[in-house]
PDB file of N, CA and C in Angstrom:
ATOM      1  N   UNK A   1      73.328  95.834 103.228  1.00  0.00           N
ATOM      2  CA  UNK A   1      74.142  94.673 102.951  1.00  0.00           C
ATOM      3  C   UNK A   1      74.880  94.281 104.232  1.00  0.00           C
ATOM      4  N   UNK A   2      74.835  93.028 104.561  1.00  0.00           N
ATOM      5  CA  UNK A   2      75.508  92.532 105.758  1.00  0.00           C
ATOM      6  C   UNK A   2      76.944  92.181 105.397  1.00  0.00           C
ATOM      7  N   UNK A   3      77.871  93.042 105.741  1.00  0.00           N
ATOM      8  CA  UNK A   3      79.271  92.867 105.373  1.00  0.00           C
ATOM      9  C   UNK A   3      79.910  91.705 106.127  1.00  0.00           C
ATOM     10  N   UNK A   4      79.478  91.450 107.345  1.00  0.00           N
ATOM     11  CA  UNK A   4      80.089  90.400 108.161  1.00  0.00           C
ATOM     12  C   UNK A   4      79.893  89.028 107.523  1.00  0.00           C
ATOM     13  N   UNK A   5      78.751  88.765 106.951  1.00  0.00           N
ATOM     14  CA  UNK A   5      78.508  87.449 106.368  1.00  0.00           C
ATOM     15  C   UNK A   5      79.255  87.253 105.058  1.00  0.00           C
ATOM     16  N   UNK A   6      79.771  88.330 104.459  1.00  0.00           N
ATOM     17  CA  UNK A   6      80.467  88.230 103.180  1.00  0.00           C
ATOM     18  C   UNK A   6      81.986  88.189 103.313  1.00  0.00           C
ATOM     19  N   UNK A   7      82.511  88.188 104.530  1.00  0.00           N
ATOM     20  CA  UNK A   7      83.957  88.228 104.734  1.00  0.00           C
ATOM     21  C   UNK A   7      84.529  86.818 104.673  1.00  0.00           C
ATOM     22  N   UNK A   8      85.577  86.663 103.879  1.00  0.00           N
ATOM     23  CA  UNK A   8      86.300  85.402 103.778  1.00  0.00           C
ATOM     24  C   UNK A   8      87.448  85.444 104.789  1.00  0.00           C
ATOM     25  N   UNK A   9      87.368  84.610 105.814  1.00  0.00           N
ATOM     26  CA  UNK A   9      88.367  84.640 106.892  1.00  0.00           C
ATOM     27  C   UNK A   9      89.760  84.288 106.379  1.00  0.00           C
ATOM     28  N   UNK A  10      89.850  83.404 105.417  1.00  0.00           N
ATOM     29  CA  UNK A  10      91.148  83.058 104.843  1.00  0.00           C
ATOM     30  C   UNK A  10      91.798  84.249 104.158  1.00  0.00           C
ATOM     31  N   UNK A  11      90.989  85.024 103.456  1.00  0.00           N
ATOM     32  CA  UNK A  11      91.518  86.217 102.789  1.00  0.00           C
ATOM     33  C   UNK A  11      91.977  87.252 103.805  1.00  0.00           C
ATOM     34  N   UNK A  12      91.244  87.375 104.903  1.00  0.00           N
ATOM     35  CA  UNK A  12      91.629  88.327 105.952  1.00  0.00           C
ATOM     36  C   UNK A  12      92.956  87.909 106.579  1.00  0.00           C
ATOM     37  N   UNK A  13      93.120  86.628 106.859  1.00  0.00           N
ATOM     38  CA  UNK A  13      94.371  86.142 107.457  1.00  0.00           C
ATOM     39  C   UNK A  13      95.544  86.298 106.483  1.00  0.00           C
ATOM     40  N   UNK A  14      95.290  86.048 105.203  1.00  0.00           N
ATOM     41  CA  UNK A  14      96.332  86.229 104.202  1.00  0.00           C
ATOM     42  C   UNK A  14      96.722  87.694 104.106  1.00  0.00           C
ATOM     43  N   UNK A  15      95.734  88.579 104.090  1.00  0.00           N
ATOM     44  CA  UNK A  15      96.011  90.015 104.024  1.00  0.00           C
ATOM     45  C   UNK A  15      96.804  90.466 105.251  1.00  0.00           C
ATOM     46  N   UNK A  16      96.462  89.945 106.419  1.00  0.00           N
ATOM     47  CA  UNK A  16      97.196  90.304 107.637  1.00  0.00           C
ATOM     48  C   UNK A  16      98.652  89.852 107.538  1.00  0.00           C
ATOM     49  N   UNK A  17      98.874  88.657 107.043  1.00  0.00           N
ATOM     50  CA  UNK A  17     100.246  88.171 106.867  1.00  0.00           C
ATOM     51  C   UNK A  17     101.042  89.005 105.892  1.00  0.00           C
ATOM     52  N   UNK A  18     100.411  89.386 104.798  1.00  0.00           N
ATOM     53  CA  UNK A  18     101.078  90.236 103.807  1.00  0.00           C
ATOM     54  C   UNK A  18     101.389  91.602 104.412  1.00  0.00           C
ATOM     55  N   UNK A  19     100.454  92.152 105.187  1.00  0.00           N
ATOM     56  CA  UNK A  19     100.695  93.437 105.836  1.00  0.00           C
ATOM     57  C   UNK A  19     101.855  93.360 106.829  1.00  0.00           C
ATOM     58  N   UNK A  20     101.979  92.248 107.533  1.00  0.00           N
ATOM     59  CA  UNK A  20     103.102  92.068 108.468  1.00  0.00           C
ATOM     60  C   UNK A  20     104.427  92.043 107.700  1.00  0.00           C
ATOM     61  N   UNK A  21     104.455  91.316 106.589  1.00  0.00           N
ATOM     62  CA  UNK A  21     105.689  91.221 105.804  1.00  0.00           C
ATOM     63  C   UNK A  21     106.073  92.581 105.226  1.00  0.00           C
ATOM     64  N   UNK A  22     105.094  93.293 104.691  1.00  0.00           N
ATOM     65  CA  UNK A  22     105.377  94.620 104.128  1.00  0.00           C
ATOM     66  C   UNK A  22     105.819  95.585 105.222  1.00  0.00           C
ATOM     67  N   UNK A  23     105.178  95.502 106.387  1.00  0.00           N
ATOM     68  CA  UNK A  23     105.576  96.356 107.506  1.00  0.00           C
ATOM     69  C   UNK A  23     107.011  96.070 107.918  1.00  0.00           C
ATOM     70  N   UNK A  24     107.390  94.791 108.000  1.00  0.00           N
ATOM     71  CA  UNK A  24     108.772  94.431 108.334  1.00  0.00           C
ATOM     72  C   UNK A  24     109.747  95.001 107.318  1.00  0.00           C
ATOM     73  N   UNK A  25     109.437  94.824 106.045  1.00  0.00           N
ATOM     74  CA  UNK A  25     110.343  95.286 104.998  1.00  0.00           C
ATOM     75  C   UNK A  25     110.502  96.808 105.029  1.00  0.00           C
ATOM     76  N   UNK A  26     109.395  97.510 105.134  1.00  0.00           N
ATOM     77  CA  UNK A  26     109.469  98.975 105.156  1.00  0.00           C
ATOM     78  C   UNK A  26     110.150  99.498 106.421  1.00  0.00           C
ATOM     79  N   UNK A  27     109.926  98.829 107.545  1.00  0.00           N
ATOM     80  CA  UNK A  27     110.585  99.242 108.786  1.00  0.00           C
ATOM     81  C   UNK A  27     112.096  99.072 108.671  1.00  0.00           C
ATOM     82  N   UNK A  28     112.532  97.955 108.122  1.00  0.00           N
ATOM     83  CA  UNK A  28     113.967  97.741 107.935  1.00  0.00           C
ATOM     84  C   UNK A  28     114.550  98.773 106.976  1.00  0.00           C
ATOM     85  N   UNK A  29     113.804  99.118 105.941  1.00  0.00           N
ATOM     86  CA  UNK A  29     114.252 100.128 104.994  1.00  0.00           C
ATOM     87  C   UNK A  29     114.398 101.490 105.671  1.00  0.00           C
ATOM     88  N   UNK A  30     113.387 101.882 106.440  1.00  0.00           N
ATOM     89  CA  UNK A  30     113.438 103.167 107.128  1.00  0.00           C
ATOM     90  C   UNK A  30     114.516 103.182 108.210  1.00  0.00           C
ATOM     91  N   UNK A  31     114.744 102.031 108.859  1.00  0.00           N
ATOM     92  CA  UNK A  31     115.803 101.968 109.876  1.00  0.00           C
ATOM     93  C   UNK A  31     117.175 102.184 109.249  1.00  0.00           C
ATOM     94  N   UNK A  32     117.373 101.656 108.042  1.00  0.00           N
ATOM     95  CA  UNK A  32     118.671 101.849 107.394  1.00  0.00           C
ATOM     96  C   UNK A  32     118.827 103.263 106.848  1.00  0.00           C
ATOM     97  N   UNK A  33     117.720 103.878 106.414  1.00  0.00           N
ATOM     98  CA  UNK A  33     117.784 105.234 105.883  1.00  0.00           C
ATOM     99  C   UNK A  33     117.867 106.287 106.986  1.00  0.00           C
ATOM    100  N   UNK A  34     117.134 106.049 108.072  1.00  0.00           N
ATOM    101  CA  UNK A  34     117.081 106.994 109.195  1.00  0.00           C
ATOM    102  C   UNK A  34     117.382 106.249 110.488  1.00  0.00           C
ATOM    103  N   UNK A  35     118.651 106.042 110.808  1.00  0.00           N
ATOM    104  CA  UNK A  35     119.002 105.214 111.966  1.00  0.00           C
ATOM    105  C   UNK A  35     118.550 105.775 113.318  1.00  0.00           C
ATOM    106  N   UNK A  36     118.259 107.063 113.393  1.00  0.00           N
ATOM    107  CA  UNK A  36     117.848 107.646 114.678  1.00  0.00           C
ATOM    108  C   UNK A  36     116.369 107.467 114.970  1.00  0.00           C
ATOM    109  N   UNK A  37     115.574 107.036 113.979  1.00  0.00           N
ATOM    110  CA  UNK A  37     114.143 106.801 114.220  1.00  0.00           C
ATOM    111  C   UNK A  37     113.946 105.550 115.065  1.00  0.00           C
ATOM    112  N   UNK A  38     113.138 105.620 116.105  1.00  0.00           N
ATOM    113  CA  UNK A  38     112.855 104.412 116.892  1.00  0.00           C
ATOM    114  C   UNK A  38     112.091 103.385 116.046  1.00  0.00           C
ATOM    115  N   UNK A  39     112.564 102.159 116.056  1.00  0.00           N
ATOM    116  CA  UNK A  39     111.990 101.117 115.200  1.00  0.00           C
ATOM    117  C   UNK A  39     110.540 100.813 115.561  1.00  0.00           C
ATOM    118  N   UNK A  40     110.199 100.810 116.845  1.00  0.00           N
ATOM    119  CA  UNK A  40     108.836 100.474 117.244  1.00  0.00           C
ATOM    120  C   UNK A  40     107.836 101.534 116.798  1.00  0.00           C
ATOM    121  N   UNK A  41     108.202 102.784 116.907  1.00  0.00           N
ATOM    122  CA  UNK A  41     107.303 103.854 116.464  1.00  0.00           C
ATOM    123  C   UNK A  41     107.163 103.811 114.945  1.00  0.00           C
ATOM    124  N   UNK A  42     108.283 103.574 114.261  1.00  0.00           N
ATOM    125  CA  UNK A  42     108.250 103.478 112.812  1.00  0.00           C
ATOM    126  C   UNK A  42     107.345 102.331 112.363  1.00  0.00           C
ATOM    127  N   UNK A  43     107.496 101.167 112.978  1.00  0.00           N
ATOM    128  CA  UNK A  43     106.669 100.012 112.613  1.00  0.00           C
ATOM    129  C   UNK A  43     105.195 100.272 112.888  1.00  0.00           C
ATOM    130  N   UNK A  44     104.904 100.950 113.985  1.00  0.00           N
ATOM    131  CA  UNK A  44     103.512 101.244 114.324  1.00  0.00           C
ATOM    132  C   UNK A  44     102.891 102.189 113.305  1.00  0.00           C
ATOM    133  N   UNK A  45     103.600 103.236 112.956  1.00  0.00           N
ATOM    134  CA  UNK A  45     103.071 104.195 111.980  1.00  0.00           C
ATOM    135  C   UNK A  45     102.882 103.529 110.618  1.00  0.00           C
ATOM    136  N   UNK A  46     103.872 102.763 110.194  1.00  0.00           N
ATOM    137  CA  UNK A  46     103.772 102.081 108.897  1.00  0.00           C
ATOM    138  C   UNK A  46     102.598 101.116 108.882  1.00  0.00           C
ATOM    139  N   UNK A  47     102.440 100.341 109.936  1.00  0.00           N
ATOM    140  CA  UNK A  47     101.355  99.351 109.954  1.00  0.00           C
ATOM    141  C   UNK A  47      99.985 100.022 109.992  1.00  0.00           C
ATOM    142  N   UNK A  48      99.867 101.122 110.711  1.00  0.00           N
ATOM    143  CA  UNK A  48      98.590 101.835 110.746  1.00  0.00           C
ATOM    144  C   UNK A  48      98.234 102.390 109.371  1.00  0.00           C
ATOM    145  N   UNK A  49      99.211 103.004 108.715  1.00  0.00           N
ATOM    146  CA  UNK A  49      98.958 103.563 107.383  1.00  0.00           C
ATOM    147  C   UNK A  49      98.608 102.451 106.393  1.00  0.00           C
ATOM    148  N   UNK A  50      99.377 101.361 106.405  1.00  0.00           N
ATOM    149  CA  UNK A  50      99.112 100.260 105.478  1.00  0.00           C
ATOM    150  C   UNK A  50      97.748  99.623 105.718  1.00  0.00           C
ATOM    151  N   UNK A  51      97.388  99.423 106.972  1.00  0.00           N
ATOM    152  CA  UNK A  51      96.117  98.759 107.282  1.00  0.00           C
ATOM    153  C   UNK A  51      94.931  99.631 106.878  1.00  0.00           C
ATOM    154  N   UNK A  52      94.998 100.912 107.179  1.00  0.00           N
ATOM    155  CA  UNK A  52      93.904 101.807 106.786  1.00  0.00           C
ATOM    156  C   UNK A  52      93.808 101.881 105.263  1.00  0.00           C
ATOM    157  N   UNK A  53      94.953 101.975 104.584  1.00  0.00           N
ATOM    158  CA  UNK A  53      94.936 101.997 103.115  1.00  0.00           C
ATOM    159  C   UNK A  53      94.379 100.693 102.543  1.00  0.00           C
ATOM    160  N   UNK A  54      94.711  99.561 103.163  1.00  0.00           N
ATOM    161  CA  UNK A  54      94.190  98.278 102.694  1.00  0.00           C
ATOM    162  C   UNK A  54      92.675  98.204 102.844  1.00  0.00           C
ATOM    163  N   UNK A  55      92.151  98.732 103.936  1.00  0.00           N
ATOM    164  CA  UNK A  55      90.696  98.737 104.131  1.00  0.00           C
ATOM    165  C   UNK A  55      90.028  99.643 103.104  1.00  0.00           C
ATOM    166  N   UNK A  56      90.602 100.802 102.856  1.00  0.00           N
ATOM    167  CA  UNK A  56      90.038 101.693 101.837  1.00  0.00           C
ATOM    168  C   UNK A  56      90.101 101.059 100.451  1.00  0.00           C
ATOM    169  N   UNK A  57      91.201 100.368 100.152  1.00  0.00           N
ATOM    170  CA  UNK A  57      91.309  99.686  98.859  1.00  0.00           C
ATOM    171  C   UNK A  57      90.259  98.584  98.736  1.00  0.00           C
ATOM    172  N   UNK A  58      90.081  97.811  99.807  1.00  0.00           N
ATOM    173  CA  UNK A  58      89.085  96.736  99.791  1.00  0.00           C
ATOM    174  C   UNK A  58      87.677  97.282  99.589  1.00  0.00           C
ATOM    175  N   UNK A  59      87.338  98.331 100.321  1.00  0.00           N
ATOM    176  CA  UNK A  59      85.993  98.891 100.178  1.00  0.00           C
ATOM    177  C   UNK A  59      85.800  99.506  98.798  1.00  0.00           C
ATOM    178  N   UNK A  60      86.846 100.048  98.218  1.00  0.00           N
ATOM    179  CA  UNK A  60      86.748 100.610  96.878  1.00  0.00           C
ATOM    180  C   UNK A  60      86.560  99.505  95.837  1.00  0.00           C
ATOM    181  N   UNK A  61      87.333  98.441  95.957  1.00  0.00           N
ATOM    182  CA  UNK A  61      87.233  97.330  95.003  1.00  0.00           C
ATOM    183  C   UNK A  61      85.874  96.652  95.100  1.00  0.00           C
ATOM    184  N   UNK A  62      85.382  96.473  96.321  1.00  0.00           N
ATOM    185  CA  UNK A  62      84.112  95.773  96.520  1.00  0.00           C
ATOM    186  C   UNK A  62      82.902  96.705  96.444  1.00  0.00           C
ATOM    187  N   UNK A  63      83.139  97.982  96.168  1.00  0.00           N
ATOM    188  CA  UNK A  63      82.074  98.995  96.082  1.00  0.00           C
ATOM    189  C   UNK A  63      81.212  99.027  97.347  1.00  0.00           C
ATOM    190  N   UNK A  64      81.890  99.083  98.469  1.00  0.00           N
ATOM    191  CA  UNK A  64      81.226  99.127  99.772  1.00  0.00           C
ATOM    192  C   UNK A  64      81.373 100.539 100.328  1.00  0.00           C
ATOM    193  N   UNK A  65      80.316 101.060 100.881  1.00  0.00           N
ATOM    194  CA  UNK A  65      80.374 102.373 101.516  1.00  0.00           C
ATOM    195  C   UNK A  65      81.225 102.284 102.781  1.00  0.00           C
ATOM    196  N   UNK A  66      82.156 103.209 102.921  1.00  0.00           N
ATOM    197  CA  UNK A  66      83.045 103.213 104.089  1.00  0.00           C
ATOM    198  C   UNK A  66      82.268 103.730 105.296  1.00  0.00           C
ATOM    199  N   UNK A  67      82.216 102.919 106.326  1.00  0.00           N
ATOM    200  CA  UNK A  67      81.579 103.297 107.584  1.00  0.00           C
ATOM    201  C   UNK A  67      82.669 103.647 108.595  1.00  0.00           C
ATOM    202  N   UNK A  68      82.290 104.360 109.633  1.00  0.00           N
ATOM    203  CA  UNK A  68      83.269 104.786 110.629  1.00  0.00           C
ATOM    204  C   UNK A  68      83.918 103.596 111.326  1.00  0.00           C
ATOM    205  N   UNK A  69      83.169 102.522 111.501  1.00  0.00           N
ATOM    206  CA  UNK A  69      83.725 101.377 112.222  1.00  0.00           C
ATOM    207  C   UNK A  69      84.708 100.586 111.363  1.00  0.00           C
ATOM    208  N   UNK A  70      84.706 100.773 110.042  1.00  0.00           N
ATOM    209  CA  UNK A  70      85.742 100.171 109.206  1.00  0.00           C
ATOM    210  C   UNK A  70      87.088 100.818 109.521  1.00  0.00           C
ATOM    211  N   UNK A  71      87.084 102.136 109.627  1.00  0.00           N
ATOM    212  CA  UNK A  71      88.321 102.867 109.930  1.00  0.00           C
ATOM    213  C   UNK A  71      88.778 102.550 111.351  1.00  0.00           C
ATOM    214  N   UNK A  72      87.849 102.520 112.294  1.00  0.00           N
ATOM    215  CA  UNK A  72      88.201 102.184 113.681  1.00  0.00           C
ATOM    216  C   UNK A  72      88.765 100.762 113.759  1.00  0.00           C
ATOM    217  N   UNK A  73      88.148  99.839 113.057  1.00  0.00           N
ATOM    218  CA  UNK A  73      88.639  98.461 113.035  1.00  0.00           C
ATOM    219  C   UNK A  73      90.005  98.351 112.382  1.00  0.00           C
ATOM    220  N   UNK A  74      90.226  99.148 111.339  1.00  0.00           N
ATOM    221  CA  UNK A  74      91.526  99.139 110.667  1.00  0.00           C
ATOM    222  C   UNK A  74      92.614  99.664 111.591  1.00  0.00           C
ATOM    223  N   UNK A  75      92.307 100.704 112.344  1.00  0.00           N
ATOM    224  CA  UNK A  75      93.286 101.242 113.299  1.00  0.00           C
ATOM    225  C   UNK A  75      93.577 100.205 114.387  1.00  0.00           C
ATOM    226  N   UNK A  76      92.539  99.577 114.886  1.00  0.00           N
ATOM    227  CA  UNK A  76      92.705  98.536 115.898  1.00  0.00           C
ATOM    228  C   UNK A  76      93.547  97.380 115.343  1.00  0.00           C
ATOM    229  N   UNK A  77      93.241  96.944 114.126  1.00  0.00           N
ATOM    230  CA  UNK A  77      94.001  95.859 113.497  1.00  0.00           C
ATOM    231  C   UNK A  77      95.435  96.292 113.210  1.00  0.00           C
ATOM    232  N   UNK A  78      95.632  97.574 112.918  1.00  0.00           N
ATOM    233  CA  UNK A  78      96.977  98.077 112.659  1.00  0.00           C
ATOM    234  C   UNK A  78      97.911  97.903 113.837  1.00  0.00           C
ATOM    235  N   UNK A  79      97.375  98.027 115.042  1.00  0.00           N
ATOM    236  CA  UNK A  79      98.212  97.810 116.221  1.00  0.00           C
ATOM    237  C   UNK A  79      98.599  96.333 116.360  1.00  0.00           C
ATOM    238  N   UNK A  80      97.710  95.428 116.001  1.00  0.00           N
ATOM    239  CA  UNK A  80      98.061  94.003 116.015  1.00  0.00           C
ATOM    240  C   UNK A  80      99.088  93.678 114.936  1.00  0.00           C
ATOM    241  N   UNK A  81      98.930  94.269 113.772  1.00  0.00           N
ATOM    242  CA  UNK A  81      99.902  94.078 112.694  1.00  0.00           C
ATOM    243  C   UNK A  81     101.263  94.597 113.148  1.00  0.00           C
ATOM    244  N   UNK A  82     101.279  95.747 113.788  1.00  0.00           N
ATOM    245  CA  UNK A  82     102.520  96.333 114.284  1.00  0.00           C
ATOM    246  C   UNK A  82     103.187  95.425 115.314  1.00  0.00           C
ATOM    247  N   UNK A  83     102.409  94.947 116.253  1.00  0.00           N
ATOM    248  CA  UNK A  83     102.950  94.063 117.298  1.00  0.00           C
ATOM    249  C   UNK A  83     103.539  92.800 116.685  1.00  0.00           C
ATOM    250  N   UNK A  84     102.803  92.206 115.765  1.00  0.00           N
ATOM    251  CA  UNK A  84     103.276  90.986 115.118  1.00  0.00           C
ATOM    252  C   UNK A  84     104.534  91.260 114.303  1.00  0.00           C
ATOM    253  N   UNK A  85     104.560  92.372 113.612  1.00  0.00           N
ATOM    254  CA  UNK A  85     105.734  92.709 112.807  1.00  0.00           C
ATOM    255  C   UNK A  85     106.958  92.941 113.681  1.00  0.00           C
ATOM    256  N   UNK A  86     106.784  93.596 114.814  1.00  0.00           N
ATOM    257  CA  UNK A  86     107.919  93.904 115.678  1.00  0.00           C
ATOM    258  C   UNK A  86     108.466  92.668 116.370  1.00  0.00           C
ATOM    259  N   UNK A  87     107.599  91.924 117.001  1.00  0.00           N
ATOM    260  CA  UNK A  87     108.063  90.830 117.841  1.00  0.00           C
ATOM    261  C   UNK A  87     108.120  89.500 117.103  1.00  0.00           C
ATOM    262  N   UNK A  88     107.342  89.347 116.061  1.00  0.00           N
ATOM    263  CA  UNK A  88     107.406  88.130 115.262  1.00  0.00           C
ATOM    264  C   UNK A  88     108.722  88.028 114.516  1.00  0.00           C
ATOM    265  N   UNK A  89     109.209  89.155 114.002  1.00  0.00           N
ATOM    266  CA  UNK A  89     110.469  89.168 113.268  1.00  0.00           C
ATOM    267  C   UNK A  89     111.636  88.819 114.186  1.00  0.00           C
ATOM    268  N   UNK A  90     111.642  89.367 115.394  1.00  0.00           N
ATOM    269  CA  UNK A  90     112.716  89.069 116.344  1.00  0.00           C
ATOM    270  C   UNK A  90     112.716  87.596 116.737  1.00  0.00           C
ATOM    271  N   UNK A  91     111.536  87.049 116.965  1.00  0.00           N
ATOM    272  CA  UNK A  91     111.439  85.625 117.321  1.00  0.00           C
ATOM    273  C   UNK A  91     111.892  84.743 116.164  1.00  0.00           C
ATOM    274  N   UNK A  92     111.529  85.127 114.932  1.00  0.00           N
ATOM    275  CA  UNK A  92     111.943  84.355 113.763  1.00  0.00           C
ATOM    276  C   UNK A  92     113.464  84.367 113.630  1.00  0.00           C
ATOM    277  N   UNK A  93     114.107  85.523 113.866  1.00  0.00           N
ATOM    278  CA  UNK A  93     115.563  85.598 113.806  1.00  0.00           C
ATOM    279  C   UNK A  93     116.192  84.701 114.868  1.00  0.00           C
ATOM    280  N   UNK A  94     115.615  84.678 116.079  1.00  0.00           N
ATOM    281  CA  UNK A  94     116.150  83.824 117.142  1.00  0.00           C
ATOM    282  C   UNK A  94     116.037  82.347 116.765  1.00  0.00           C
ATOM    283  N   UNK A  95     114.906  81.965 116.197  1.00  0.00           N
ATOM    284  CA  UNK A  95     114.711  80.570 115.796  1.00  0.00           C
ATOM    285  C   UNK A  95     115.706  80.182 114.708  1.00  0.00           C
ATOM    286  N   UNK A  96     115.892  81.067 113.726  1.00  0.00           N
ATOM    287  CA  UNK A  96     116.834  80.762 112.651  1.00  0.00           C
ATOM    288  C   UNK A  96     118.267  80.678 113.156  1.00  0.00           C
ATOM    289  N   UNK A  97     118.630  81.529 114.128  1.00  0.00           N
ATOM    290  CA  UNK A  97     119.964  81.441 114.730  1.00  0.00           C
ATOM    291  C   UNK A  97     120.137  80.120 115.471  1.00  0.00           C
ATOM    292  N   UNK A  98     119.095  79.693 116.192  1.00  0.00           N
ATOM    293  CA  UNK A  98     119.151  78.444 116.918  1.00  0.00           C
ATOM    294  C   UNK A  98     119.299  77.265 115.969  1.00  0.00           C
ATOM    295  N   UNK A  99     118.519  77.277 114.912  1.00  0.00           N
ATOM    296  CA  UNK A  99     118.603  76.194 113.924  1.00  0.00           C
ATOM    297  C   UNK A  99     119.950  76.221 113.229  1.00  0.00           C
ATOM    298  N   UNK A 100     120.415  77.402 112.884  1.00  0.00           N
ATOM    299  CA  UNK A 100     121.727  77.536 112.224  1.00  0.00           C
ATOM    300  C   UNK A 100     122.865  77.134 113.129  1.00  0.00           C
ATOM    301  N   UNK A 101     122.746  77.352 114.432  1.00  0.00           N
ATOM    302  CA  UNK A 101     123.781  76.996 115.386  1.00  0.00           C
ATOM    303  C   UNK A 101     123.876  75.499 115.629  1.00  0.00           C
ATOM    304  N   UNK A 102     122.796  74.779 115.422  1.00  0.00           N
ATOM    305  CA  UNK A 102     122.787  73.332 115.645  1.00  0.00           C
ATOM    306  C   UNK A 102     123.420  72.569 114.501  1.00  0.00           C
ATOM    307  N   UNK A 103     123.452  73.170 113.305  1.00  0.00           N
ATOM    308  CA  UNK A 103     124.067  72.496 112.153  1.00  0.00           C
ATOM    309  C   UNK A 103     125.569  72.570 112.303  1.00  0.00           C
ATOM    310  N   UNK A 104     126.223  71.389 112.320  1.00  0.00           N
ATOM    311  CA  UNK A 104     127.676  71.365 112.411  1.00  0.00           C
ATOM    312  C   UNK A 104     128.232  70.253 111.600  1.00  0.00           C
TER     313      UNK A 104
END
């Protein structure tokens, strides 16, 4: 079965966005519970675990045999999810502060 031709790019982008949001939420939760944990390492670990679990869930739901490159791709994607979660959240806060500061 050719898995590449069966992938819905919109679903992949939606899943990535959801993973970023969940990573942000869990990182903030862990930061408040364990203030001495470095936020970047925490976000990276959380995103890697979530992304690999999401790939395993997808392959289980779609009854697809897990290949080694699915796990490798999930780990690779996990680093992008982590980066987006770390720096996207900070940029969003800056934008909201800027917009909030202009209202008078």
